[in-house]
PDB file of N, CA and C in Angstrom:
ATOM      1  N   UNK A   1      -2.586  30.660   2.628  1.00  0.00           N
ATOM      2  CA  UNK A   1      -3.232  29.967   3.466  1.00  0.00           C
ATOM      3  C   UNK A   1      -3.666  28.951   3.534  1.00  0.00           C
ATOM      4  N   UNK A   2      -3.857  27.723   3.382  1.00  0.00           N
ATOM      5  CA  UNK A   2      -4.197  26.520   2.486  1.00  0.00           C
ATOM      6  C   UNK A   2      -5.354  25.977   3.657  1.00  0.00           C
ATOM      7  N   UNK A   3      -6.450  25.175   3.339  1.00  0.00           N
ATOM      8  CA  UNK A   3      -6.639  24.386   4.741  1.00  0.00           C
ATOM      9  C   UNK A   3      -7.220  23.225   4.595  1.00  0.00           C
ATOM     10  N   UNK A   4      -6.745  21.377   5.203  1.00  0.00           N
ATOM     11  CA  UNK A   4      -7.191  20.829   4.584  1.00  0.00           C
ATOM     12  C   UNK A   4      -8.079  20.632   5.276  1.00  0.00           C
ATOM     13  N   UNK A   5      -9.408  19.895   4.826  1.00  0.00           N
ATOM     14  CA  UNK A   5     -10.546  18.776   6.570  1.00  0.00           C
ATOM     15  C   UNK A   5     -10.181  17.600   5.802  1.00  0.00           C
ATOM     16  N   UNK A   6     -10.022  16.611   7.152  1.00  0.00           N
ATOM     17  CA  UNK A   6      -9.908  15.095   6.544  1.00  0.00           C
ATOM     18  C   UNK A   6     -10.863  14.232   7.558  1.00  0.00           C
ATOM     19  N   UNK A   7     -11.612  13.399   6.193  1.00  0.00           N
ATOM     20  CA  UNK A   7     -12.340  11.995   7.562  1.00  0.00           C
ATOM     21  C   UNK A   7     -11.652  10.953   7.535  1.00  0.00           C
ATOM     22  N   UNK A   8     -11.599  10.858   8.360  1.00  0.00           N
ATOM     23  CA  UNK A   8     -11.463   8.929   8.257  1.00  0.00           C
ATOM     24  C   UNK A   8     -11.878   8.083   8.986  1.00  0.00           C
ATOM     25  N   UNK A   9     -12.335   6.995   9.207  1.00  0.00           N
ATOM     26  CA  UNK A   9     -13.527   5.866  10.171  1.00  0.00           C
ATOM     27  C   UNK A   9     -12.325   4.895  10.242  1.00  0.00           C
ATOM     28  N   UNK A  10     -12.509   4.994  11.367  1.00  0.00           N
ATOM     29  CA  UNK A  10     -11.347   3.570  11.953  1.00  0.00           C
ATOM     30  C   UNK A  10     -11.794   2.611  12.467  1.00  0.00           C
ATOM     31  N   UNK A  11     -11.478   2.013  12.265  1.00  0.00           N
ATOM     32  CA  UNK A  11     -11.999   0.214  12.081  1.00  0.00           C
ATOM     33  C   UNK A  11     -11.375  -0.427  12.968  1.00  0.00           C
ATOM     34  N   UNK A  12     -11.582  -1.829  12.847  1.00  0.00           N
ATOM     35  CA  UNK A  12     -10.312  -2.362  13.647  1.00  0.00           C
ATOM     36  C   UNK A  12      -9.451  -2.964  12.798  1.00  0.00           C
ATOM     37  N   UNK A  13     -10.051  -2.838  11.482  1.00  0.00           N
ATOM     38  CA  UNK A  13      -8.398  -3.052  11.572  1.00  0.00           C
ATOM     39  C   UNK A  13      -7.570  -2.425  10.205  1.00  0.00           C
ATOM     40  N   UNK A  14      -7.743  -0.837  10.428  1.00  0.00           N
ATOM     41  CA  UNK A  14      -7.295   0.025  10.735  1.00  0.00           C
ATOM     42  C   UNK A  14      -6.012   0.551  11.271  1.00  0.00           C
ATOM     43  N   UNK A  15      -4.876   1.271  10.642  1.00  0.00           N
ATOM     44  CA  UNK A  15      -3.842   1.166  10.444  1.00  0.00           C
ATOM     45  C   UNK A  15      -3.459   2.068  12.344  1.00  0.00           C
ATOM     46  N   UNK A  16      -3.110   1.665  13.014  1.00  0.00           N
ATOM     47  CA  UNK A  16      -2.326   3.188  14.085  1.00  0.00           C
ATOM     48  C   UNK A  16      -0.775   3.021  14.545  1.00  0.00           C
ATOM     49  N   UNK A  17      -0.146   3.920  14.019  1.00  0.00           N
ATOM     50  CA  UNK A  17       1.255   3.957  14.565  1.00  0.00           C
ATOM     51  C   UNK A  17       1.452   5.209  14.247  1.00  0.00           C
ATOM     52  N   UNK A  18       2.554   5.324  15.480  1.00  0.00           N
ATOM     53  CA  UNK A  18       3.131   6.495  16.264  1.00  0.00           C
ATOM     54  C   UNK A  18       4.725   6.864  15.435  1.00  0.00           C
ATOM     55  N   UNK A  19       5.182   7.802  15.449  1.00  0.00           N
ATOM     56  CA  UNK A  19       6.791   8.501  15.225  1.00  0.00           C
ATOM     57  C   UNK A  19       7.372   9.336  16.995  1.00  0.00           C
ATOM     58  N   UNK A  20       7.791   9.153  16.917  1.00  0.00           N
ATOM     59  CA  UNK A  20       8.728   9.398  18.532  1.00  0.00           C
ATOM     60  C   UNK A  20      10.063  10.764  17.905  1.00  0.00           C
ATOM     61  N   UNK A  21       9.657  11.875  18.251  1.00  0.00           N
ATOM     62  CA  UNK A  21      11.183  12.704  17.745  1.00  0.00           C
ATOM     63  C   UNK A  21      11.066  14.052  18.691  1.00  0.00           C
ATOM     64  N   UNK A  22      12.318  12.803  20.079  1.00  0.00           N
ATOM     65  CA  UNK A  22      12.095  13.567  21.383  1.00  0.00           C
ATOM     66  C   UNK A  22      12.691  14.315  21.195  1.00  0.00           C
ATOM     67  N   UNK A  23      14.194  14.871  20.450  1.00  0.00           N
ATOM     68  CA  UNK A  23      14.363  16.067  20.005  1.00  0.00           C
ATOM     69  C   UNK A  23      13.126  17.654  19.812  1.00  0.00           C
ATOM     70  N   UNK A  24      12.243  17.536  18.951  1.00  0.00           N
ATOM     71  CA  UNK A  24      11.899  18.484  18.837  1.00  0.00           C
ATOM     72  C   UNK A  24      10.012  17.851  19.641  1.00  0.00           C
ATOM     73  N   UNK A  25      10.593  17.204  21.027  1.00  0.00           N
ATOM     74  CA  UNK A  25       9.299  17.269  21.592  1.00  0.00           C
ATOM     75  C   UNK A  25       7.825  16.415  20.978  1.00  0.00           C
ATOM     76  N   UNK A  26       7.655  16.006  19.912  1.00  0.00           N
ATOM     77  CA  UNK A  26       6.916  15.834  19.197  1.00  0.00           C
ATOM     78  C   UNK A  26       6.688  14.099  18.407  1.00  0.00           C
ATOM     79  N   UNK A  27       5.728  14.320  18.234  1.00  0.00           N
ATOM     80  CA  UNK A  27       4.639  12.766  18.196  1.00  0.00           C
ATOM     81  C   UNK A  27       4.205  12.816  16.745  1.00  0.00           C
ATOM     82  N   UNK A  28       4.065  11.788  15.952  1.00  0.00           N
ATOM     83  CA  UNK A  28       3.424  11.989  14.853  1.00  0.00           C
ATOM     84  C   UNK A  28       2.540  11.075  14.678  1.00  0.00           C
ATOM     85  N   UNK A  29       1.361  11.179  14.739  1.00  0.00           N
ATOM     86  CA  UNK A  29      -0.086   9.511  14.964  1.00  0.00           C
ATOM     87  C   UNK A  29      -0.163   9.045  13.396  1.00  0.00           C
ATOM     88  N   UNK A  30       0.315   7.824  12.851  1.00  0.00           N
ATOM     89  CA  UNK A  30      -0.242   7.807  11.862  1.00  0.00           C
ATOM     90  C   UNK A  30      -1.515   7.310  11.983  1.00  0.00           C
ATOM     91  N   UNK A  31      -3.052   7.551  10.506  1.00  0.00           N
ATOM     92  CA  UNK A  31      -4.157   6.506  10.491  1.00  0.00           C
ATOM     93  C   UNK A  31      -4.360   5.831   9.417  1.00  0.00           C
ATOM     94  N   UNK A  32      -3.897   5.138   9.341  1.00  0.00           N
ATOM     95  CA  UNK A  32      -3.896   4.391   7.655  1.00  0.00           C
ATOM     96  C   UNK A  32      -3.414   3.689   7.383  1.00  0.00           C
ATOM     97  N   UNK A  33      -3.022   3.372   5.702  1.00  0.00           N
ATOM     98  CA  UNK A  33      -2.498   2.074   5.364  1.00  0.00           C
ATOM     99  C   UNK A  33      -2.221   2.267   3.871  1.00  0.00           C
ATOM    100  N   UNK A  34      -1.639   2.026   3.267  1.00  0.00           N
ATOM    101  CA  UNK A  34      -1.282   2.532   2.063  1.00  0.00           C
ATOM    102  C   UNK A  34      -2.210   3.044   1.189  1.00  0.00           C
ATOM    103  N   UNK A  35      -3.420   2.354   1.118  1.00  0.00           N
ATOM    104  CA  UNK A  35      -4.478   2.870   0.851  1.00  0.00           C
ATOM    105  C   UNK A  35      -4.791   4.205   0.662  1.00  0.00           C
ATOM    106  N   UNK A  36      -4.234   4.868   2.210  1.00  0.00           N
ATOM    107  CA  UNK A  36      -4.735   6.134   2.191  1.00  0.00           C
ATOM    108  C   UNK A  36      -4.547   6.432   4.418  1.00  0.00           C
ATOM    109  N   UNK A  37      -3.790   7.529   4.266  1.00  0.00           N
ATOM    110  CA  UNK A  37      -3.333   7.147   5.420  1.00  0.00           C
ATOM    111  C   UNK A  37      -3.714   9.363   5.649  1.00  0.00           C
ATOM    112  N   UNK A  38      -3.655   9.763   7.097  1.00  0.00           N
ATOM    113  CA  UNK A  38      -3.581  11.344   7.731  1.00  0.00           C
ATOM    114  C   UNK A  38      -2.912  10.644   8.782  1.00  0.00           C
ATOM    115  N   UNK A  39      -1.509  11.644   8.867  1.00  0.00           N
ATOM    116  CA  UNK A  39      -0.643  11.866   9.809  1.00  0.00           C
ATOM    117  C   UNK A  39      -1.172  13.573  10.843  1.00  0.00           C
ATOM    118  N   UNK A  40      -1.245  13.202  12.007  1.00  0.00           N
ATOM    119  CA  UNK A  40      -1.337  13.931  13.044  1.00  0.00           C
ATOM    120  C   UNK A  40       0.227  14.939  13.936  1.00  0.00           C
ATOM    121  N   UNK A  41       0.607  15.937  13.494  1.00  0.00           N
ATOM    122  CA  UNK A  41       1.589  16.502  14.185  1.00  0.00           C
ATOM    123  C   UNK A  41       1.079  16.573  15.718  1.00  0.00           C
ATOM    124  N   UNK A  42       1.883  16.016  16.895  1.00  0.00           N
ATOM    125  CA  UNK A  42       1.240  16.129  17.425  1.00  0.00           C
ATOM    126  C   UNK A  42       2.846  16.939  18.673  1.00  0.00           C
ATOM    127  N   UNK A  43       2.515  18.401  19.351  1.00  0.00           N
ATOM    128  CA  UNK A  43       3.565  18.981  20.246  1.00  0.00           C
ATOM    129  C   UNK A  43       3.061  17.904  21.462  1.00  0.00           C
ATOM    130  N   UNK A  44       3.970  18.059  22.345  1.00  0.00           N
ATOM    131  CA  UNK A  44       3.567  17.180  23.891  1.00  0.00           C
ATOM    132  C   UNK A  44       2.423  17.654  24.212  1.00  0.00           C
ATOM    133  N   UNK A  45       2.397  18.846  24.615  1.00  0.00           N
ATOM    134  CA  UNK A  45       0.822  19.516  24.794  1.00  0.00           C
ATOM    135  C   UNK A  45       0.222  18.872  24.408  1.00  0.00           C
ATOM    136  N   UNK A  46      -0.216  18.969  23.037  1.00  0.00           N
ATOM    137  CA  UNK A  46      -1.710  18.207  22.365  1.00  0.00           C
ATOM    138  C   UNK A  46      -1.593  17.100  22.320  1.00  0.00           C
ATOM    139  N   UNK A  47      -1.029  16.625  22.960  1.00  0.00           N
ATOM    140  CA  UNK A  47      -0.590  14.745  23.149  1.00  0.00           C
ATOM    141  C   UNK A  47      -1.914  14.153  24.255  1.00  0.00           C
ATOM    142  N   UNK A  48      -1.235  15.280  25.305  1.00  0.00           N
ATOM    143  CA  UNK A  48      -2.577  15.147  26.493  1.00  0.00           C
ATOM    144  C   UNK A  48      -3.586  15.310  26.284  1.00  0.00           C
ATOM    145  N   UNK A  49      -4.189  17.160  24.894  1.00  0.00           N
ATOM    146  CA  UNK A  49      -5.572  17.352  25.223  1.00  0.00           C
ATOM    147  C   UNK A  49      -6.053  16.784  24.023  1.00  0.00           C
ATOM    148  N   UNK A  50      -5.057  15.485  22.912  1.00  0.00           N
ATOM    149  CA  UNK A  50      -6.154  14.635  22.418  1.00  0.00           C
ATOM    150  C   UNK A  50      -5.878  13.804  23.356  1.00  0.00           C
ATOM    151  N   UNK A  51      -5.145  13.066  24.297  1.00  0.00           N
ATOM    152  CA  UNK A  51      -6.049  11.644  24.905  1.00  0.00           C
ATOM    153  C   UNK A  51      -6.955  11.907  26.072  1.00  0.00           C
ATOM    154  N   UNK A  52      -7.201  13.143  25.881  1.00  0.00           N
ATOM    155  CA  UNK A  52      -8.620  13.658  27.190  1.00  0.00           C
ATOM    156  C   UNK A  52      -9.488  13.896  25.945  1.00  0.00           C
ATOM    157  N   UNK A  53      -9.340  14.573  25.019  1.00  0.00           N
ATOM    158  CA  UNK A  53     -11.015  14.597  24.500  1.00  0.00           C
ATOM    159  C   UNK A  53     -11.095  13.284  23.945  1.00  0.00           C
ATOM    160  N   UNK A  54      -9.868  12.511  23.556  1.00  0.00           N
ATOM    161  CA  UNK A  54     -10.739  10.960  23.404  1.00  0.00           C
ATOM    162  C   UNK A  54     -11.484   9.906  24.538  1.00  0.00           C
ATOM    163  N   UNK A  55     -11.010  10.364  26.085  1.00  0.00           N
ATOM    164  CA  UNK A  55     -11.124  10.208  26.796  1.00  0.00           C
ATOM    165  C   UNK A  55     -12.649  10.727  27.315  1.00  0.00           C
ATOM    166  N   UNK A  56     -13.107  11.637  27.026  1.00  0.00           N
ATOM    167  CA  UNK A  56     -14.112  12.016  26.527  1.00  0.00           C
ATOM    168  C   UNK A  56     -15.302  11.530  26.140  1.00  0.00           C
ATOM    169  N   UNK A  57     -15.077  11.293  24.566  1.00  0.00           N
ATOM    170  CA  UNK A  57     -15.725  11.473  23.515  1.00  0.00           C
ATOM    171  C   UNK A  57     -15.983  10.076  23.733  1.00  0.00           C
ATOM    172  N   UNK A  58     -15.255   8.478  24.580  1.00  0.00           N
ATOM    173  CA  UNK A  58     -15.805   7.570  25.576  1.00  0.00           C
ATOM    174  C   UNK A  58     -16.208   7.396  26.468  1.00  0.00           C
ATOM    175  N   UNK A  59     -17.121   8.184  27.389  1.00  0.00           N
ATOM    176  CA  UNK A  59     -17.133   8.607  28.223  1.00  0.00           C
ATOM    177  C   UNK A  59     -18.765   8.604  27.559  1.00  0.00           C
ATOM    178  N   UNK A  60     -18.893   9.383  27.447  1.00  0.00           N
ATOM    179  CA  UNK A  60     -20.231  10.407  26.321  1.00  0.00           C
ATOM    180  C   UNK A  60     -21.007   9.173  25.716  1.00  0.00           C
ATOM    181  N   UNK A  61     -19.877   8.546  25.206  1.00  0.00           N
ATOM    182  CA  UNK A  61     -20.902   6.748  24.637  1.00  0.00           C
ATOM    183  C   UNK A  61     -21.585   6.074  26.026  1.00  0.00           C
ATOM    184  N   UNK A  62     -20.806   5.991  27.012  1.00  0.00           N
ATOM    185  CA  UNK A  62     -21.258   5.401  28.348  1.00  0.00           C
ATOM    186  C   UNK A  62     -22.467   6.092  29.095  1.00  0.00           C
ATOM    187  N   UNK A  63     -21.618   7.196  28.594  1.00  0.00           N
ATOM    188  CA  UNK A  63     -23.157   7.823  29.315  1.00  0.00           C
ATOM    189  C   UNK A  63     -24.087   7.535  29.151  1.00  0.00           C
ATOM    190  N   UNK A  64     -24.831   7.584  27.365  1.00  0.00           N
ATOM    191  CA  UNK A  64     -25.322   7.127  26.620  1.00  0.00           C
ATOM    192  C   UNK A  64     -25.737   6.008  26.465  1.00  0.00           C
ATOM    193  N   UNK A  65     -25.054   4.749  26.599  1.00  0.00           N
ATOM    194  CA  UNK A  65     -25.778   4.158  26.917  1.00  0.00           C
ATOM    195  C   UNK A  65     -26.362   3.691  27.733  1.00  0.00           C
ATOM    196  N   UNK A  66     -25.715   4.389  29.653  1.00  0.00           N
ATOM    197  CA  UNK A  66     -26.244   3.953  30.948  1.00  0.00           C
ATOM    198  C   UNK A  66     -28.171   5.153  30.904  1.00  0.00           C
ATOM    199  N   UNK A  67     -28.152   5.842  29.914  1.00  0.00           N
ATOM    200  CA  UNK A  67     -29.055   6.940  29.441  1.00  0.00           C
ATOM    201  C   UNK A  67     -30.318   5.974  29.020  1.00  0.00           C
ATOM    202  N   UNK A  68     -29.913   5.130  27.693  1.00  0.00           N
ATOM    203  CA  UNK A  68     -30.197   4.501  26.807  1.00  0.00           C
ATOM    204  C   UNK A  68     -31.181   3.085  28.007  1.00  0.00           C
ATOM    205  N   UNK A  69     -30.569   2.598  28.449  1.00  0.00           N
ATOM    206  CA  UNK A  69     -30.370   1.442  29.752  1.00  0.00           C
ATOM    207  C   UNK A  69     -32.271   1.732  30.826  1.00  0.00           C
ATOM    208  N   UNK A  70     -31.672   3.288  31.187  1.00  0.00           N
ATOM    209  CA  UNK A  70     -32.791   3.507  32.195  1.00  0.00           C
ATOM    210  C   UNK A  70     -34.110   3.464  31.576  1.00  0.00           C
TER     211      UNK A  70
END
């Protein structure tokens, strides 16, 4: 078994794309460009789970901003 950890800093000019595989009920999401990229393989339920985690992450930034302003 191999385990790989990769980190990606997403900036305004970072490439973001996806490819859909309807017959397999999954997508791949690619973050990066020709100099280095990470591809995430996601079956349909995991797309929703990832979207939920990103929404929570965005909300945590909003909550922190509100606390800082108070």
